[in-house]
PDB file of N, CA and C in Angstrom:
ATOM      1  N   MET A   1     109.993 105.051  75.384  1.00  0.00           N
ATOM      2  CA  MET A   1     110.682 104.202  76.338  1.00  0.00           C
ATOM      3  C   MET A   1     111.284 105.067  77.440  1.00  0.00           C
ATOM      4  N   LYS A   2     111.129 104.635  78.673  1.00  0.00           N
ATOM      5  CA  LYS A   2     111.576 105.377  79.823  1.00  0.00           C
ATOM      6  C   LYS A   2     113.098 105.272  79.984  1.00  0.00           C
ATOM      7  N   GLU A   3     113.733 106.422  80.250  1.00  0.00           N
ATOM      8  CA  GLU A   3     115.186 106.420  80.437  1.00  0.00           C
ATOM      9  C   GLU A   3     115.548 105.687  81.721  1.00  0.00           C
ATOM     10  N   LYS A   4     116.577 104.877  81.644  1.00  0.00           N
ATOM     11  CA  LYS A   4     117.052 104.150  82.819  1.00  0.00           C
ATOM     12  C   LYS A   4     118.236 104.921  83.403  1.00  0.00           C
ATOM     13  N   VAL A   5     117.924 105.873  84.286  1.00  0.00           N
ATOM     14  CA  VAL A   5     118.959 106.768  84.797  1.00  0.00           C
ATOM     15  C   VAL A   5     119.967 106.062  85.697  1.00  0.00           C
ATOM     16  N   ILE A   6     119.522 105.095  86.480  1.00  0.00           N
ATOM     17  CA  ILE A   6     120.436 104.372  87.367  1.00  0.00           C
ATOM     18  C   ILE A   6     121.405 103.542  86.535  1.00  0.00           C
ATOM     19  N   GLU A   7     120.882 102.831  85.558  1.00  0.00           N
ATOM     20  CA  GLU A   7     121.725 102.007  84.695  1.00  0.00           C
ATOM     21  C   GLU A   7     122.722 102.875  83.918  1.00  0.00           C
ATOM     22  N   THR A   8     122.250 103.994  83.401  1.00  0.00           N
ATOM     23  CA  THR A   8     123.125 104.913  82.680  1.00  0.00           C
ATOM     24  C   THR A   8     124.215 105.445  83.599  1.00  0.00           C
ATOM     25  N   TYR A   9     123.829 105.835  84.814  1.00  0.00           N
ATOM     26  CA  TYR A   9     124.794 106.327  85.800  1.00  0.00           C
ATOM     27  C   TYR A   9     125.836 105.257  86.121  1.00  0.00           C
ATOM     28  N   LEU A  10     125.389 104.047  86.390  1.00  0.00           N
ATOM     29  CA  LEU A  10     126.301 102.966  86.766  1.00  0.00           C
ATOM     30  C   LEU A  10     127.312 102.685  85.667  1.00  0.00           C
ATOM     31  N   PHE A  11     126.840 102.539  84.451  1.00  0.00           N
ATOM     32  CA  PHE A  11     127.731 102.149  83.366  1.00  0.00           C
ATOM     33  C   PHE A  11     128.458 103.326  82.723  1.00  0.00           C
ATOM     34  N   SER A  12     128.226 104.518  83.229  1.00  0.00           N
ATOM     35  CA  SER A  12     129.038 105.651  82.766  1.00  0.00           C
ATOM     36  C   SER A  12     130.400 105.637  83.449  1.00  0.00           C
ATOM     37  N   GLY A  13     130.493 104.921  84.576  1.00  0.00           N
ATOM     38  CA  GLY A  13     131.736 104.881  85.330  1.00  0.00           C
ATOM     39  C   GLY A  13     132.518 103.590  85.190  1.00  0.00           C
ATOM     40  N   ILE A  14     131.881 102.554  84.689  1.00  0.00           N
ATOM     41  CA  ILE A  14     132.549 101.258  84.579  1.00  0.00           C
ATOM     42  C   ILE A  14     131.881 100.445  83.470  1.00  0.00           C
ATOM     43  N   LYS A  15     132.673  99.658  82.796  1.00  0.00           N
ATOM     44  CA  LYS A  15     132.108  98.772  81.773  1.00  0.00           C
ATOM     45  C   LYS A  15     131.560  97.523  82.456  1.00  0.00           C
ATOM     46  N   LYS A  16     130.406  97.077  81.980  1.00  0.00           N
ATOM     47  CA  LYS A  16     129.747  95.917  82.568  1.00  0.00           C
ATOM     48  C   LYS A  16     130.670  94.702  82.604  1.00  0.00           C
ATOM     49  N   GLU A  17     131.439  94.485  81.540  1.00  0.00           N
ATOM     50  CA  GLU A  17     132.334  93.334  81.461  1.00  0.00           C
ATOM     51  C   GLU A  17     133.380  93.363  82.583  1.00  0.00           C
ATOM     52  N   LYS A  18     133.783  94.557  82.978  1.00  0.00           N
ATOM     53  CA  LYS A  18     134.797  94.709  84.028  1.00  0.00           C
ATOM     54  C   LYS A  18     134.284  94.180  85.365  1.00  0.00           C
ATOM     55  N   LEU A  19     132.984  94.301  85.592  1.00  0.00           N
ATOM     56  CA  LEU A  19     132.397  93.838  86.847  1.00  0.00           C
ATOM     57  C   LEU A  19     132.534  92.329  87.028  1.00  0.00           C
ATOM     58  N   PHE A  20     132.559  91.604  85.918  1.00  0.00           N
ATOM     59  CA  PHE A  20     132.541  90.144  85.989  1.00  0.00           C
ATOM     60  C   PHE A  20     133.837  89.498  85.519  1.00  0.00           C
ATOM     61  N   GLU A  21     134.891  90.291  85.329  1.00  0.00           N
ATOM     62  CA  GLU A  21     136.112  89.769  84.725  1.00  0.00           C
ATOM     63  C   GLU A  21     136.820  88.704  85.558  1.00  0.00           C
ATOM     64  N   ASN A  22     136.620  88.682  86.857  1.00  0.00           N
ATOM     65  CA  ASN A  22     137.294  87.686  87.699  1.00  0.00           C
ATOM     66  C   ASN A  22     136.446  86.451  87.980  1.00  0.00           C
ATOM     67  N   ILE A  23     135.316  86.357  87.321  1.00  0.00           N
ATOM     68  CA  ILE A  23     134.461  85.176  87.464  1.00  0.00           C
ATOM     69  C   ILE A  23     134.667  84.303  86.237  1.00  0.00           C
ATOM     70  N   ASN A  24     135.079  83.077  86.471  1.00  0.00           N
ATOM     71  CA  ASN A  24     135.384  82.183  85.354  1.00  0.00           C
ATOM     72  C   ASN A  24     134.242  81.249  84.981  1.00  0.00           C
ATOM     73  N   ASP A  25     133.380  80.968  85.913  1.00  0.00           N
ATOM     74  CA  ASP A  25     132.285  80.035  85.674  1.00  0.00           C
ATOM     75  C   ASP A  25     131.127  80.755  84.982  1.00  0.00           C
ATOM     76  N   LYS A  26     130.677  80.224  83.850  1.00  0.00           N
ATOM     77  CA  LYS A  26     129.605  80.866  83.074  1.00  0.00           C
ATOM     78  C   LYS A  26     128.294  80.955  83.844  1.00  0.00           C
ATOM     79  N   ASP A  27     127.996  79.926  84.647  1.00  0.00           N
ATOM     80  CA  ASP A  27     126.766  79.960  85.439  1.00  0.00           C
ATOM     81  C   ASP A  27     126.832  81.044  86.517  1.00  0.00           C
ATOM     82  N   GLU A  28     128.012  81.223  87.111  1.00  0.00           N
ATOM     83  CA  GLU A  28     128.180  82.270  88.117  1.00  0.00           C
ATOM     84  C   GLU A  28     128.068  83.657  87.481  1.00  0.00           C
ATOM     85  N   ILE A  29     128.612  83.803  86.295  1.00  0.00           N
ATOM     86  CA  ILE A  29     128.489  85.076  85.577  1.00  0.00           C
ATOM     87  C   ILE A  29     127.019  85.373  85.291  1.00  0.00           C
ATOM     88  N   ALA A  30     126.299  84.378  84.819  1.00  0.00           N
ATOM     89  CA  ALA A  30     124.875  84.559  84.519  1.00  0.00           C
ATOM     90  C   ALA A  30     124.104  84.939  85.784  1.00  0.00           C
ATOM     91  N   ALA A  31     124.412  84.294  86.906  1.00  0.00           N
ATOM     92  CA  ALA A  31     123.729  84.607  88.163  1.00  0.00           C
ATOM     93  C   ALA A  31     124.077  86.024  88.631  1.00  0.00           C
ATOM     94  N   ALA A  32     125.336  86.403  88.497  1.00  0.00           N
ATOM     95  CA  ALA A  32     125.764  87.742  88.897  1.00  0.00           C
ATOM     96  C   ALA A  32     125.107  88.809  88.023  1.00  0.00           C
ATOM     97  N   GLU A  33     125.033  88.551  86.723  1.00  0.00           N
ATOM     98  CA  GLU A  33     124.375  89.498  85.814  1.00  0.00           C
ATOM     99  C   GLU A  33     122.893  89.635  86.150  1.00  0.00           C
ATOM    100  N   LYS A  34     122.261  88.527  86.475  1.00  0.00           N
ATOM    101  CA  LYS A  34     120.845  88.558  86.843  1.00  0.00           C
ATOM    102  C   LYS A  34     120.648  89.351  88.138  1.00  0.00           C
ATOM    103  N   TYR A  35     121.520  89.123  89.128  1.00  0.00           N
ATOM    104  CA  TYR A  35     121.436  89.848  90.395  1.00  0.00           C
ATOM    105  C   TYR A  35     121.610  91.350  90.151  1.00  0.00           C
ATOM    106  N   LEU A  36     122.607  91.713  89.351  1.00  0.00           N
ATOM    107  CA  LEU A  36     122.858  93.113  89.049  1.00  0.00           C
ATOM    108  C   LEU A  36     121.663  93.747  88.344  1.00  0.00           C
ATOM    109  N   GLN A  37     121.106  93.074  87.358  1.00  0.00           N
ATOM    110  CA  GLN A  37     119.965  93.631  86.633  1.00  0.00           C
ATOM    111  C   GLN A  37     118.755  93.798  87.547  1.00  0.00           C
ATOM    112  N   ASN A  38     118.547  92.841  88.452  1.00  0.00           N
ATOM    113  CA  ASN A  38     117.457  92.980  89.420  1.00  0.00           C
ATOM    114  C   ASN A  38     117.684  94.180  90.336  1.00  0.00           C
ATOM    115  N   ALA A  39     118.935  94.384  90.763  1.00  0.00           N
ATOM    116  CA  ALA A  39     119.262  95.527  91.623  1.00  0.00           C
ATOM    117  C   ALA A  39     119.041  96.846  90.880  1.00  0.00           C
ATOM    118  N   ILE A  40     119.433  96.891  89.616  1.00  0.00           N
ATOM    119  CA  ILE A  40     119.219  98.086  88.801  1.00  0.00           C
ATOM    120  C   ILE A  40     117.725  98.357  88.650  1.00  0.00           C
ATOM    121  N   ASN A  41     116.954  97.327  88.313  1.00  0.00           N
ATOM    122  CA  ASN A  41     115.504  97.488  88.149  1.00  0.00           C
ATOM    123  C   ASN A  41     114.843  97.959  89.442  1.00  0.00           C
ATOM    124  N   ASP A  42     115.281  97.416  90.564  1.00  0.00           N
ATOM    125  CA  ASP A  42     114.742  97.816  91.862  1.00  0.00           C
ATOM    126  C   ASP A  42     115.056  99.289  92.143  1.00  0.00           C
ATOM    127  N   ALA A  43     116.282  99.700  91.870  1.00  0.00           N
ATOM    128  CA  ALA A  43     116.674 101.093  92.087  1.00  0.00           C
ATOM    129  C   ALA A  43     115.891 102.030  91.171  1.00  0.00           C
ATOM    130  N   GLU A  44     115.712 101.640  89.916  1.00  0.00           N
ATOM    131  CA  GLU A  44     114.941 102.452  88.967  1.00  0.00           C
ATOM    132  C   GLU A  44     113.493 102.606  89.441  1.00  0.00           C
ATOM    133  N   PHE A  45     112.893 101.509  89.883  1.00  0.00           N
ATOM    134  CA  PHE A  45     111.510 101.537  90.348  1.00  0.00           C
ATOM    135  C   PHE A  45     111.369 102.418  91.587  1.00  0.00           C
ATOM    136  N   THR A  46     112.276 102.253  92.537  1.00  0.00           N
ATOM    137  CA  THR A  46     112.217 103.041  93.766  1.00  0.00           C
ATOM    138  C   THR A  46     112.410 104.522  93.460  1.00  0.00           C
ATOM    139  N   LEU A  47     113.324 104.840  92.549  1.00  0.00           N
ATOM    140  CA  LEU A  47     113.516 106.233  92.154  1.00  0.00           C
ATOM    141  C   LEU A  47     112.230 106.811  91.569  1.00  0.00           C
ATOM    142  N   SER A  48     111.527 106.037  90.765  1.00  0.00           N
ATOM    143  CA  SER A  48     110.279 106.532  90.172  1.00  0.00           C
ATOM    144  C   SER A  48     109.239 106.828  91.249  1.00  0.00           C
ATOM    145  N   LEU A  49     109.248 106.063  92.340  1.00  0.00           N
ATOM    146  CA  LEU A  49     108.323 106.318  93.446  1.00  0.00           C
ATOM    147  C   LEU A  49     108.731 107.549  94.257  1.00  0.00           C
ATOM    148  N   LEU A  50     110.024 107.760  94.385  1.00  0.00           N
ATOM    149  CA  LEU A  50     110.530 108.859  95.210  1.00  0.00           C
ATOM    150  C   LEU A  50     110.531 110.214  94.504  1.00  0.00           C
ATOM    151  N   LYS A  51     110.612 110.204  93.182  1.00  0.00           N
ATOM    152  CA  LYS A  51     110.796 111.452  92.428  1.00  0.00           C
ATOM    153  C   LYS A  51     109.844 112.584  92.833  1.00  0.00           C
ATOM    154  N   PRO A  52     108.559 112.313  93.047  1.00  0.00           N
ATOM    155  CA  PRO A  52     107.670 113.437  93.413  1.00  0.00           C
ATOM    156  C   PRO A  52     108.026 114.089  94.751  1.00  0.00           C
ATOM    157  N   TYR A  53     108.762 113.386  95.590  1.00  0.00           N
ATOM    158  CA  TYR A  53     109.064 113.873  96.932  1.00  0.00           C
ATOM    159  C   TYR A  53     110.493 114.379  97.089  1.00  0.00           C
ATOM    160  N   LEU A  54     111.321 114.190  96.093  1.00  0.00           N
ATOM    161  CA  LEU A  54     112.726 114.562  96.203  1.00  0.00           C
ATOM    162  C   LEU A  54     112.919 116.064  96.097  1.00  0.00           C
ATOM    163  N   ASN A  55     113.698 116.584  97.011  1.00  0.00           N
ATOM    164  CA  ASN A  55     114.220 117.938  96.879  1.00  0.00           C
ATOM    165  C   ASN A  55     115.529 117.996  97.654  1.00  0.00           C
ATOM    166  N   HIS A  56     116.342 118.966  97.343  1.00  0.00           N
ATOM    167  CA  HIS A  56     117.684 119.023  97.918  1.00  0.00           C
ATOM    168  C   HIS A  56     117.717 119.599  99.331  1.00  0.00           C
ATOM    169  N   GLU A  57     116.575 119.955  99.863  1.00  0.00           N
ATOM    170  CA  GLU A  57     116.515 120.542 101.207  1.00  0.00           C
ATOM    171  C   GLU A  57     116.293 119.491 102.300  1.00  0.00           C
ATOM    172  N   ILE A  58     115.865 118.315 101.919  1.00  0.00           N
ATOM    173  CA  ILE A  58     115.558 117.277 102.915  1.00  0.00           C
ATOM    174  C   ILE A  58     116.706 116.289 103.038  1.00  0.00           C
ATOM    175  N   LYS A  59     116.706 115.559 104.164  1.00  0.00           N
ATOM    176  CA  LYS A  59     117.641 114.448 104.328  1.00  0.00           C
ATOM    177  C   LYS A  59     116.883 113.163 104.021  1.00  0.00           C
ATOM    178  N   ILE A  60     117.560 112.258 103.355  1.00  0.00           N
ATOM    179  CA  ILE A  60     116.963 110.986 102.972  1.00  0.00           C
ATOM    180  C   ILE A  60     117.649 109.890 103.767  1.00  0.00           C
ATOM    181  N   LEU A  61     116.875 109.093 104.472  1.00  0.00           N
ATOM    182  CA  LEU A  61     117.423 107.986 105.239  1.00  0.00           C
ATOM    183  C   LEU A  61     117.555 106.771 104.336  1.00  0.00           C
ATOM    184  N   GLU A  62     118.755 106.251 104.218  1.00  0.00           N
ATOM    185  CA  GLU A  62     119.023 105.059 103.407  1.00  0.00           C
ATOM    186  C   GLU A  62     119.106 103.868 104.346  1.00  0.00           C
ATOM    187  N   VAL A  63     118.168 102.950 104.205  1.00  0.00           N
ATOM    188  CA  VAL A  63     118.103 101.776 105.056  1.00  0.00           C
ATOM    189  C   VAL A  63     118.107 100.546 104.163  1.00  0.00           C
ATOM    190  N   GLY A  64     118.922  99.572 104.505  1.00  0.00           N
ATOM    191  CA  GLY A  64     118.870  98.328 103.761  1.00  0.00           C
ATOM    192  C   GLY A  64     120.208  97.923 103.192  1.00  0.00           C
ATOM    193  N   GLY A  65     120.186  96.767 102.621  1.00  0.00           N
ATOM    194  CA  GLY A  65     121.402  96.222 102.047  1.00  0.00           C
ATOM    195  C   GLY A  65     121.401  96.340 100.553  1.00  0.00           C
ATOM    196  N   GLY A  66     122.012  95.392  99.939  1.00  0.00           N
ATOM    197  CA  GLY A  66     122.073  95.399  98.488  1.00  0.00           C
ATOM    198  C   GLY A  66     123.272  96.165  97.970  1.00  0.00           C
ATOM    199  N   LEU A  67     123.173  96.595  96.748  1.00  0.00           N
ATOM    200  CA  LEU A  67     124.297  97.252  96.083  1.00  0.00           C
ATOM    201  C   LEU A  67     124.321  98.767  96.278  1.00  0.00           C
ATOM    202  N   HIS A  68     123.287  99.330  96.865  1.00  0.00           N
ATOM    203  CA  HIS A  68     123.186 100.765  97.146  1.00  0.00           C
ATOM    204  C   HIS A  68     123.284 101.609  95.877  1.00  0.00           C
ATOM    205  N   LEU A  69     122.740 101.121  94.793  1.00  0.00           N
ATOM    206  CA  LEU A  69     122.789 101.844  93.531  1.00  0.00           C
ATOM    207  C   LEU A  69     122.006 103.154  93.599  1.00  0.00           C
ATOM    208  N   LEU A  70     120.832 103.107  94.188  1.00  0.00           N
ATOM    209  CA  LEU A  70     120.013 104.312  94.295  1.00  0.00           C
ATOM    210  C   LEU A  70     120.691 105.335  95.199  1.00  0.00           C
ATOM    211  N   ALA A  71     121.203 104.895  96.332  1.00  0.00           N
ATOM    212  CA  ALA A  71     121.886 105.813  97.247  1.00  0.00           C
ATOM    213  C   ALA A  71     123.087 106.459  96.566  1.00  0.00           C
ATOM    214  N   SER A  72     123.844 105.683  95.850  1.00  0.00           N
ATOM    215  CA  SER A  72     125.002 106.208  95.134  1.00  0.00           C
ATOM    216  C   SER A  72     124.583 107.250  94.105  1.00  0.00           C
ATOM    217  N   TYR A  73     123.545 106.952  93.361  1.00  0.00           N
ATOM    218  CA  TYR A  73     123.027 107.886  92.354  1.00  0.00           C
ATOM    219  C   TYR A  73     122.553 109.183  93.008  1.00  0.00           C
ATOM    220  N   LEU A  74     121.790 109.066  94.091  1.00  0.00           N
ATOM    221  CA  LEU A  74     121.271 110.258  94.760  1.00  0.00           C
ATOM    222  C   LEU A  74     122.400 111.111  95.342  1.00  0.00           C
ATOM    223  N   LEU A  75     123.424 110.479  95.886  1.00  0.00           N
ATOM    224  CA  LEU A  75     124.577 111.235  96.384  1.00  0.00           C
ATOM    225  C   LEU A  75     125.261 111.987  95.254  1.00  0.00           C
ATOM    226  N   LYS A  76     125.402 111.336  94.119  1.00  0.00           N
ATOM    227  CA  LYS A  76     126.022 111.973  92.954  1.00  0.00           C
ATOM    228  C   LYS A  76     125.199 113.171  92.477  1.00  0.00           C
ATOM    229  N   GLN A  77     123.896 113.113  92.692  1.00  0.00           N
ATOM    230  CA  GLN A  77     123.005 114.210  92.319  1.00  0.00           C
ATOM    231  C   GLN A  77     122.918 115.273  93.420  1.00  0.00           C
ATOM    232  N   ALA A  78     123.747 115.155  94.442  1.00  0.00           N
ATOM    233  CA  ALA A  78     123.871 116.122  95.545  1.00  0.00           C
ATOM    234  C   ALA A  78     122.680 116.133  96.506  1.00  0.00           C
ATOM    235  N   TYR A  79     121.976 115.011  96.609  1.00  0.00           N
ATOM    236  CA  TYR A  79     120.964 114.895  97.646  1.00  0.00           C
ATOM    237  C   TYR A  79     121.659 114.547  98.954  1.00  0.00           C
ATOM    238  N   LYS A  80     121.033 114.904 100.066  1.00  0.00           N
ATOM    239  CA  LYS A  80     121.603 114.636 101.390  1.00  0.00           C
ATOM    240  C   LYS A  80     121.096 113.280 101.879  1.00  0.00           C
ATOM    241  N   LEU A  81     122.005 112.348 102.037  1.00  0.00           N
ATOM    242  CA  LEU A  81     121.627 111.022 102.515  1.00  0.00           C
ATOM    243  C   LEU A  81     122.209 110.775 103.903  1.00  0.00           C
ATOM    244  N   VAL A  82     121.423 110.116 104.724  1.00  0.00           N
ATOM    245  CA  VAL A  82     121.891 109.623 106.013  1.00  0.00           C
ATOM    246  C   VAL A  82     121.853 108.109 105.904  1.00  0.00           C
ATOM    247  N   ILE A  83     122.989 107.487 106.126  1.00  0.00           N
ATOM    248  CA  ILE A  83     123.070 106.036 106.021  1.00  0.00           C
ATOM    249  C   ILE A  83     122.717 105.436 107.375  1.00  0.00           C
ATOM    250  N   ALA A  84     121.870 104.402 107.377  1.00  0.00           N
ATOM    251  CA  ALA A  84     121.342 103.820 108.616  1.00  0.00           C
ATOM    252  C   ALA A  84     122.461 103.411 109.573  1.00  0.00           C
ATOM    253  N   SER A  85     123.595 103.007 109.080  1.00  0.00           N
ATOM    254  CA  SER A  85     124.682 102.568 109.961  1.00  0.00           C
ATOM    255  C   SER A  85     125.287 103.749 110.721  1.00  0.00           C
ATOM    256  N   GLU A  86     124.936 104.978 110.373  1.00  0.00           N
ATOM    257  CA  GLU A  86     125.434 106.149 111.093  1.00  0.00           C
ATOM    258  C   GLU A  86     124.695 106.376 112.396  1.00  0.00           C
ATOM    259  N   PHE A  87     123.593 105.660 112.630  1.00  0.00           N
ATOM    260  CA  PHE A  87     122.815 105.848 113.855  1.00  0.00           C
ATOM    261  C   PHE A  87     123.446 105.148 115.004  1.00  0.00           C
TER     262      PHE A  87
END
């Protein structure tokens, strides 16, 4: 089974339950959990595509919205990121 590095990174800093503690509606919690899991899966997939090209000498342009899980992970790993809003 493939290690889920983004998910491991995310939940090493916060408990999943803490993310949803202020949501009282069960349907909203379920939707939020689904959104989060989709974001994690997307970040994991994108990381798998990028891995052959990653090195600490290049700058990586981060473009897009979402939760920025991959960008956060890459910054923590000391990669150089340029955020699109800096342009």
